């Protein structure tokens, strides 16, 4: 597989994996441990949960933005325009 295509596919896989991992953590804390529900009022655990969710989303977004703004070199390292027939 060409290095540029491989790097592109790895970025896609890493993005999906990180997003699913972030959602799994927040779903577990919010649903299973009842931090996402405000039925009996607001408690310290819920404040910490929502703060964590917002801060971790911002950090995840910044990381993914930085990852995708890096240019990918799709050119074949062994390719040269001098090698082309004229």
Protein backbone atom coordinates (compact mmCIF):
# COMPACT_ATOMS: atom_id res chain seq x y z
CA UNK A 1 0.00 0.00 0.00
CA UNK A 2 1.25 3.46 -0.80
CA UNK A 3 2.45 5.49 2.20
CA UNK A 4 0.09 8.44 1.59
CA UNK A 5 -2.98 6.23 1.31
CA UNK A 6 -1.89 4.25 4.37
CA UNK A 7 -1.49 7.45 6.41
CA UNK A 8 -4.91 8.68 5.25
CA UNK A 9 -6.62 5.41 6.23
CA UNK A 10 -4.85 5.40 9.61
CA UNK A 11 -6.17 8.91 10.26
CA UNK A 12 -9.70 7.74 9.49
CA UNK A 13 -9.38 4.69 11.77
CA UNK A 14 -7.83 6.76 14.58
CA UNK A 15 -10.57 9.38 14.31
CA UNK A 16 -13.34 6.80 14.47
CA UNK A 17 -11.67 4.90 17.33
CA UNK A 18 -11.12 8.03 19.44
CA UNK A 19 -14.68 9.24 18.85
CA UNK A 20 -16.15 5.86 19.83
CA UNK A 21 -13.89 5.67 22.89
CA UNK A 22 -14.94 9.20 23.96
CA UNK A 23 -18.61 8.32 23.50
CA UNK A 24 -18.22 5.04 25.40
CA UNK A 25 -16.63 6.76 28.40
CA UNK A 26 -19.25 9.49 28.53
CA UNK A 27 -22.14 7.06 27.96
CA UNK A 28 -20.88 4.81 30.73
CA UNK A 29 -20.52 7.66 33.19
CA UNK A 30 -23.74 9.38 32.14
CA UNK A 31 -26.11 6.42 31.83
CA UNK A 32 -24.73 3.57 33.93
CA UNK A 33 -23.60 5.72 36.84
CA UNK A 34 -26.57 8.13 36.54
CA UNK A 35 -24.46 11.29 36.21
CA UNK A 36 -26.24 12.37 33.03
CA UNK A 37 -29.70 12.58 34.58
CA UNK A 38 -30.91 15.56 36.57
CA UNK A 39 -34.00 13.91 38.11
CA UNK A 40 -33.25 14.56 41.79
CA UNK A 41 -31.52 17.90 41.40
CA UNK A 42 -27.97 18.88 40.61
CA UNK A 43 -25.15 17.22 42.58
CA UNK A 44 -21.37 17.61 42.54
CA UNK A 45 -20.95 14.39 40.52
CA UNK A 46 -23.19 15.73 37.77
CA UNK A 47 -21.35 19.04 37.65
CA UNK A 48 -18.04 17.20 37.37
CA UNK A 49 -19.48 14.88 34.70
CA UNK A 50 -20.75 17.69 32.48
CA UNK A 51 -17.54 19.67 32.99
CA UNK A 52 -15.51 16.60 32.04
CA UNK A 53 -17.69 15.98 29.00
CA UNK A 54 -17.31 19.53 27.67
CA UNK A 55 -13.57 19.80 28.39
CA UNK A 56 -12.79 16.36 26.95
CA UNK A 57 -14.83 17.14 23.82
CA UNK A 58 -12.90 20.37 23.28
CA UNK A 59 -9.59 18.53 23.73
CA UNK A 60 -10.71 15.74 21.38
CA UNK A 61 -11.81 18.28 18.78
CA UNK A 62 -8.50 20.18 19.02
CA UNK A 63 -6.51 16.96 18.65
CA UNK A 64 -8.52 15.79 15.64
CA UNK A 65 -8.31 19.22 14.01
CA UNK A 66 -4.54 19.23 14.47
CA UNK A 67 -4.33 15.69 13.10
CA UNK A 68 -6.35 16.48 9.98
CA UNK A 69 -4.65 19.81 9.24
CA UNK A 70 -1.29 18.07 8.87
CA UNK A 71 -0.66 17.60 5.14
CA UNK A 72 -0.44 14.10 3.71
CA UNK A 73 2.23 13.46 1.10
CA UNK A 74 0.51 11.39 -1.58
CA UNK A 75 3.50 11.56 -3.90
CA UNK A 76 5.42 8.34 -4.39
CA UNK A 77 8.93 8.85 -2.97
CA UNK A 78 10.43 6.90 -5.88
CA UNK A 79 8.57 8.97 -8.48
CA UNK A 80 10.36 11.69 -10.39
CA UNK A 81 9.19 13.78 -13.31
CA UNK A 82 12.53 13.11 -14.93
CA UNK A 83 11.60 9.42 -15.18
CA UNK A 84 8.66 10.19 -17.50
CA UNK A 85 9.11 9.51 -21.23
CA UNK A 86 8.86 12.58 -23.43
